[in-house]
Amino acid sequence: MDVARYLDRINFRGEIKPDIATLTKLHQHHVFHIPFEALDVYYGIPVILNEQHLFCKIVEHRRGGYCYEVNELFARLLQKLGFAVHRISGRLASGNKFGREFEHMALLVEIDRQQWLVDVGYGDFALQPLLITHGHIQNDGHNEYRIQHGVVADGATYWQTGKWNSIKLCFVTDYIFTTTPRSITHFEEMNRWKQTSGESKFRRTAICSIPTQSGRVSLVGNRLIITNNKEKEVQLLHSEISKRVALQRYFNIHFPVDEMTHPGGLANVRQAV
């Protein structure tokens, strides 16, 4: 891995130490420069989880990715920089129900005997690491988060991430997770499922999202959603060309127009993954 090029991709400057101050700065630069997106899944382009492929896509071609891609590449960067990092499994929340094991991948970083949840691949989530400690409310400058322990699902006990919802006036769960170290191979099956199953939302809907200093910009299907100081504007995109223009303007993604032919390529995905 070319560490210097990766740091340039996220516009990171300054001294690097394996401490929480550096980790926080790296995390913030990462989420503000590399979008959460699953465009390859939508357009039938295989998602391959090896370092060379991910580096080429995210750093050289200046794309983003979904959890397995951006968190995996970020984990490898952090390891190169001297951090103690583990991949961990998450299960997404839907009301009081939880999804499958390994459907989300996040990172756990250990610093001075403290464990930090690091997740640059979820989308609208914390803009900095969260200390894994029960009940402590943490603020990333935009939202408040709380991590709690003791959620039981299918006989196992999990940690729970919650983000403050100002409408519901409560913390709403994003996902549950354990701190058990995993390898990237544990997530391969779910990576294949997300690319090939008709139940996968990423196959049905083009998704791309990135935070801004005053809010967030998201492309969801044929809608471009711009949130600025909690005010939301929605623009309808009526063609693949208009999507390409929005991707270039708001996300700096130059997606080849000849690849924007959903749902073509599914056979290639199945063969590749």
Protein backbone atom coordinates (compact mmCIF):
# COMPACT_ATOMS: atom_id res chain seq x y z
CA MET A 1 0.00 0.00 0.00
CA ASP A 2 1.20 3.49 -0.89
CA VAL A 3 0.47 5.23 2.41
CA ALA A 4 1.40 8.68 1.12
CA ARG A 5 -1.12 8.45 -1.74
CA TYR A 6 -3.83 7.24 0.62
CA LEU A 7 -3.20 10.15 3.00
CA ASP A 8 -3.25 12.54 0.05
CA ARG A 9 -6.59 11.03 -1.06
CA ILE A 10 -8.14 12.05 2.28
CA ASN A 11 -6.22 15.35 2.37
CA PHE A 12 -4.47 14.41 5.61
CA ARG A 13 -1.49 16.47 6.71
CA GLY A 14 0.51 16.47 9.91
CA GLU A 15 2.30 14.20 12.34
CA ILE A 16 1.04 10.64 12.75
CA LYS A 17 1.09 8.82 16.08
CA PRO A 18 -0.96 5.75 17.10
CA ASP A 19 -3.06 7.84 19.50
CA ILE A 20 -6.70 8.92 19.71
CA ALA A 21 -5.99 12.44 18.45
CA THR A 22 -4.48 11.10 15.22
CA LEU A 23 -7.16 8.43 14.85
CA THR A 24 -9.89 11.05 15.20
CA LYS A 25 -8.31 13.27 12.57
CA LEU A 26 -7.83 10.34 10.17
CA HIS A 27 -11.44 9.26 10.68
CA GLN A 28 -12.79 12.74 10.06
CA HIS A 29 -10.72 13.27 6.93
CA HIS A 30 -11.77 9.87 5.63
CA VAL A 31 -15.53 10.37 5.91
CA PHE A 32 -15.39 13.90 4.48
CA HIS A 33 -13.40 12.83 1.41
CA ILE A 34 -14.47 9.25 0.63
CA PRO A 35 -18.23 8.73 0.18
CA PHE A 36 -20.29 5.81 1.29
CA GLU A 37 -21.57 4.32 -1.94
CA ALA A 38 -22.71 1.04 -3.42
CA LEU A 39 -22.86 2.06 -7.06
CA ASP A 40 -20.91 -0.97 -8.26
CA VAL A 41 -23.52 -3.28 -6.76
CA TYR A 42 -26.34 -1.36 -8.43
CA TYR A 43 -24.64 -1.31 -11.83
CA GLY A 44 -23.53 -4.93 -11.70
CA ILE A 45 -19.79 -4.38 -11.27
CA PRO A 46 -18.11 -6.96 -8.99
CA VAL A 47 -17.03 -5.84 -5.52
CA ILE A 48 -13.72 -7.57 -4.79
CA LEU A 49 -12.30 -7.34 -1.30
CA ASN A 50 -8.56 -7.49 -1.80
CA GLU A 51 -6.19 -4.65 -1.02
CA GLN A 52 -4.93 -4.07 -4.55
CA HIS A 53 -8.44 -3.83 -6.00
CA LEU A 54 -9.72 -1.61 -3.18
CA PHE A 55 -6.73 0.73 -3.35
CA CYS A 56 -7.12 1.08 -7.10
CA LYS A 57 -10.83 1.84 -6.81
CA ILE A 58 -10.87 4.13 -3.77
CA VAL A 59 -7.50 5.88 -3.92
CA GLU A 60 -6.45 5.84 -7.57
CA HIS A 61 -9.90 6.16 -9.14
CA ARG A 62 -11.20 8.36 -6.28
CA ARG A 63 -14.32 6.31 -5.67
CA GLY A 64 -16.02 5.36 -2.41
CA GLY A 65 -17.47 2.06 -1.30
CA TYR A 66 -19.69 0.33 1.20
CA CYS A 67 -18.74 -1.04 4.60
CA TYR A 68 -16.64 -4.01 3.53
CA GLU A 69 -14.65 -1.90 1.09
CA VAL A 70 -13.89 1.35 2.90
CA ASN A 71 -13.55 -0.13 6.39
CA GLU A 72 -11.30 -2.91 5.06
CA LEU A 73 -8.99 -0.48 3.28
CA PHE A 74 -9.00 1.90 6.26
CA ALA A 75 -8.09 -1.02 8.55
CA ARG A 76 -5.07 -1.77 6.40
CA LEU A 77 -4.01 1.88 6.47
CA LEU A 78 -4.35 2.04 10.27
CA GLN A 79 -2.27 -1.13 10.64
CA LYS A 80 0.45 0.40 8.45
CA LEU A 81 0.42 3.46 10.71
CA GLY A 82 0.91 1.39 13.86
CA PHE A 83 -2.63 1.13 15.23
CA ALA A 84 -3.98 -2.05 16.83
CA VAL A 85 -7.12 -2.65 14.77
CA HIS A 86 -9.62 -5.50 14.42
CA ARG A 87 -12.52 -6.06 12.05
CA ILE A 88 -15.83 -6.63 13.87
CA SER A 89 -19.27 -7.80 12.78
CA GLY A 90 -22.46 -5.79 13.06
CA ARG A 91 -26.16 -6.58 12.58
CA LEU A 92 -28.35 -3.76 11.29
CA ALA A 93 -31.39 -2.71 13.29
CA SER A 94 -34.90 -2.49 11.88
CA GLY A 95 -37.21 -1.52 14.71
CA ASN A 96 -36.80 -4.19 17.35
CA LYS A 97 -35.40 -6.72 14.88
CA PHE A 98 -31.81 -7.26 13.81
CA GLY A 99 -30.34 -8.49 10.55
CA ARG A 100 -27.82 -11.19 9.83
CA GLU A 101 -24.39 -11.63 11.33
CA PHE A 102 -21.65 -10.16 9.11
CA GLU A 103 -24.08 -7.92 7.18
CA HIS A 104 -22.06 -4.94 8.44
CA MET A 105 -18.35 -4.61 9.06
CA ALA A 106 -16.87 -2.00 11.39
CA LEU A 107 -13.50 -1.62 13.11
CA LEU A 108 -12.33 -1.77 16.70
CA VAL A 109 -9.15 0.14 17.55
CA GLU A 110 -7.37 -0.36 20.88
CA ILE A 111 -5.46 2.60 22.31
CA ASP A 112 -4.08 2.74 25.86
CA ARG A 113 -6.32 -0.16 26.97
CA GLN A 114 -9.43 1.57 25.65
CA GLN A 115 -11.52 0.27 22.77
CA TRP A 116 -12.86 2.60 20.08
CA LEU A 117 -15.56 1.91 17.49
CA VAL A 118 -14.35 3.19 14.12
CA ASP A 119 -16.78 3.10 11.22
CA VAL A 120 -16.14 5.03 8.00
CA GLY A 121 -18.42 2.74 5.98
CA TYR A 122 -21.95 3.07 7.31
CA GLY A 123 -23.19 6.30 5.76
CA ASP A 124 -24.94 8.69 8.11
CA PHE A 125 -23.03 7.74 11.23
CA ALA A 126 -20.46 9.17 13.65
CA LEU A 127 -17.84 11.45 12.12
CA GLN A 128 -15.23 10.34 14.65
CA PRO A 129 -14.38 7.27 16.74
CA LEU A 130 -16.75 6.34 19.57
CA LEU A 131 -15.45 5.03 22.88
CA ILE A 132 -16.91 1.60 23.56
CA THR A 133 -18.22 2.17 27.06
CA HIS A 134 -21.70 1.57 28.43
CA GLY A 135 -24.10 4.50 28.48
CA HIS A 136 -21.64 7.33 27.78
CA ILE A 137 -23.13 10.00 25.48
CA GLN A 138 -20.68 11.23 22.85
CA ASN A 139 -20.93 14.13 20.40
CA ASP A 140 -19.21 14.24 17.00
CA GLY A 141 -20.05 17.90 16.39
CA HIS A 142 -23.22 17.07 14.44
CA ASN A 143 -25.06 14.40 16.46
CA GLU A 144 -25.04 12.65 19.81
CA TYR A 145 -24.36 8.92 20.10
CA ARG A 146 -24.63 6.37 22.86
CA ILE A 147 -23.21 2.87 23.06
CA GLN A 148 -24.83 0.40 25.43
CA HIS A 149 -24.14 -3.21 26.32
CA GLY A 150 -26.60 -5.98 27.02
CA VAL A 151 -28.74 -6.38 23.91
CA VAL A 152 -29.55 -10.06 23.47
CA ALA A 153 -30.26 -11.46 20.01
CA ASP A 154 -30.41 -15.15 19.11
CA GLY A 155 -28.88 -16.08 22.44
CA ALA A 156 -25.82 -13.81 22.08
CA THR A 157 -25.10 -10.52 23.87
CA TYR A 158 -24.22 -7.43 21.85
CA TRP A 159 -23.19 -3.81 22.13
CA GLN A 160 -25.70 -1.36 20.65
CA THR A 161 -25.06 1.92 18.82
CA GLY A 162 -27.69 4.61 19.15
CA LYS A 163 -27.99 8.05 17.50
CA TRP A 164 -30.12 10.80 19.02
CA ASN A 165 -33.33 11.42 17.08
CA SER A 166 -34.64 14.93 17.75
CA ILE A 167 -38.11 14.05 16.45
CA LYS A 168 -38.60 10.85 18.44
CA LEU A 169 -36.62 12.33 21.38
CA CYS A 170 -34.68 9.13 21.96
CA PHE A 171 -31.59 7.27 20.81
CA VAL A 172 -32.40 5.16 17.74
CA THR A 173 -30.33 2.03 17.16
CA ASP A 174 -28.25 1.85 14.00
CA TYR A 175 -26.74 -1.58 14.59
CA ILE A 176 -25.56 -4.02 17.22
CA PHE A 177 -22.07 -5.51 17.33
CA THR A 178 -19.66 -7.69 19.26
CA THR A 179 -15.99 -6.99 19.87
CA THR A 180 -14.93 -10.43 18.61
CA PRO A 181 -12.06 -10.01 16.09
CA ARG A 182 -12.92 -11.20 12.57
CA SER A 183 -11.07 -11.59 9.30
CA ILE A 184 -12.25 -10.23 5.97
CA THR A 185 -13.07 -13.79 4.88
CA HIS A 186 -15.92 -13.88 7.43
CA PHE A 187 -17.68 -11.18 5.39
CA GLU A 188 -17.25 -12.71 1.93
CA GLU A 189 -20.57 -14.57 1.95
CA MET A 190 -22.58 -11.46 2.85
CA ASN A 191 -20.61 -9.45 0.30
CA ARG A 192 -21.75 -11.94 -2.35
CA TRP A 193 -25.32 -11.86 -1.05
CA LYS A 194 -25.53 -8.06 -1.27
CA GLN A 195 -24.39 -8.23 -4.90
CA THR A 196 -26.58 -11.10 -6.11
CA SER A 197 -29.74 -11.33 -3.98
CA GLY A 198 -32.96 -9.73 -5.14
CA GLU A 199 -33.52 -8.76 -1.50
CA SER A 200 -30.43 -6.56 -1.45
CA LYS A 201 -31.35 -2.86 -1.31
CA PHE A 202 -28.07 -2.01 -3.01
CA ARG A 203 -29.11 -3.93 -6.11
CA ARG A 204 -32.44 -2.12 -6.24
CA THR A 205 -31.31 1.43 -5.51
CA ALA A 206 -28.30 3.55 -6.44
CA ILE A 207 -26.86 4.96 -3.18
CA CYS A 208 -24.10 7.48 -2.56
CA SER A 209 -23.69 9.75 0.49
CA ILE A 210 -21.11 12.07 2.02
CA PRO A 211 -21.19 14.49 4.95
CA THR A 212 -20.50 18.21 4.57
CA GLN A 213 -19.54 20.75 7.19
CA SER A 214 -23.17 21.87 7.38
CA GLY A 215 -25.02 18.63 6.70
CA ARG A 216 -24.95 15.87 4.09
CA VAL A 217 -25.47 15.18 0.39
CA SER A 218 -27.02 11.87 -0.66
CA LEU A 219 -28.05 10.27 -3.91
CA VAL A 220 -30.77 7.69 -3.30
CA GLY A 221 -32.37 6.22 -6.39
CA ASN A 222 -33.48 9.13 -8.54
CA ARG A 223 -33.40 11.63 -5.66
CA LEU A 224 -30.57 13.99 -4.78
CA ILE A 225 -31.00 15.01 -1.13
CA ILE A 226 -29.06 18.03 0.11
CA THR A 227 -29.23 18.75 3.84
CA ASN A 228 -27.87 22.11 4.94
CA ASN A 229 -28.17 23.19 8.59
CA LYS A 230 -31.02 20.68 9.02
CA GLU A 231 -32.91 22.13 6.05
CA LYS A 232 -33.53 19.48 3.38
CA GLU A 233 -33.79 20.01 -0.38
CA VAL A 234 -34.76 17.16 -2.72
CA GLN A 235 -34.07 17.19 -6.45
CA LEU A 236 -35.39 14.55 -8.83
CA LEU A 237 -32.93 13.09 -11.34
CA HIS A 238 -34.74 11.84 -14.42
CA SER A 239 -31.94 10.12 -16.34
CA GLU A 240 -28.68 8.26 -15.93
CA ILE A 241 -26.92 11.28 -17.41
CA SER A 242 -28.33 13.53 -14.67
CA LYS A 243 -27.13 11.00 -12.08
CA ARG A 244 -23.66 11.08 -13.60
CA VAL A 245 -23.62 14.88 -13.46
CA ALA A 246 -24.71 14.81 -9.79
CA LEU A 247 -22.05 12.23 -8.94
CA GLN A 248 -19.36 14.41 -10.50
CA ARG A 249 -20.58 17.66 -8.96
CA TYR A 250 -21.33 16.57 -5.39
CA PHE A 251 -19.15 13.48 -4.88
CA ASN A 252 -16.28 13.97 -7.36
CA ILE A 253 -17.10 10.54 -8.79
CA HIS A 254 -16.54 10.17 -12.52
CA PHE A 255 -18.51 7.02 -13.22
CA PRO A 256 -18.10 5.70 -16.79
CA VAL A 257 -21.40 6.30 -18.55
CA ASP A 258 -21.13 3.00 -20.44
CA GLU A 259 -21.15 1.20 -17.07
CA MET A 260 -24.34 2.93 -15.92
CA THR A 261 -26.62 0.32 -17.45
CA HIS A 262 -28.44 -1.24 -14.49
CA PRO A 263 -29.13 -4.11 -14.08
CA GLY A 264 -26.60 -5.44 -16.56
CA GLY A 265 -23.54 -7.23 -15.31
CA LEU A 266 -25.21 -9.49 -12.74
CA ALA A 267 -23.89 -12.58 -14.47
CA ASN A 268 -20.40 -11.08 -14.31
CA VAL A 269 -20.86 -10.39 -10.59
CA ARG A 270 -21.92 -13.97 -9.89
CA GLN A 271 -18.95 -15.29 -11.82
CA ALA A 272 -16.47 -12.93 -10.13
CA VAL A 273 -17.62 -13.31 -6.52
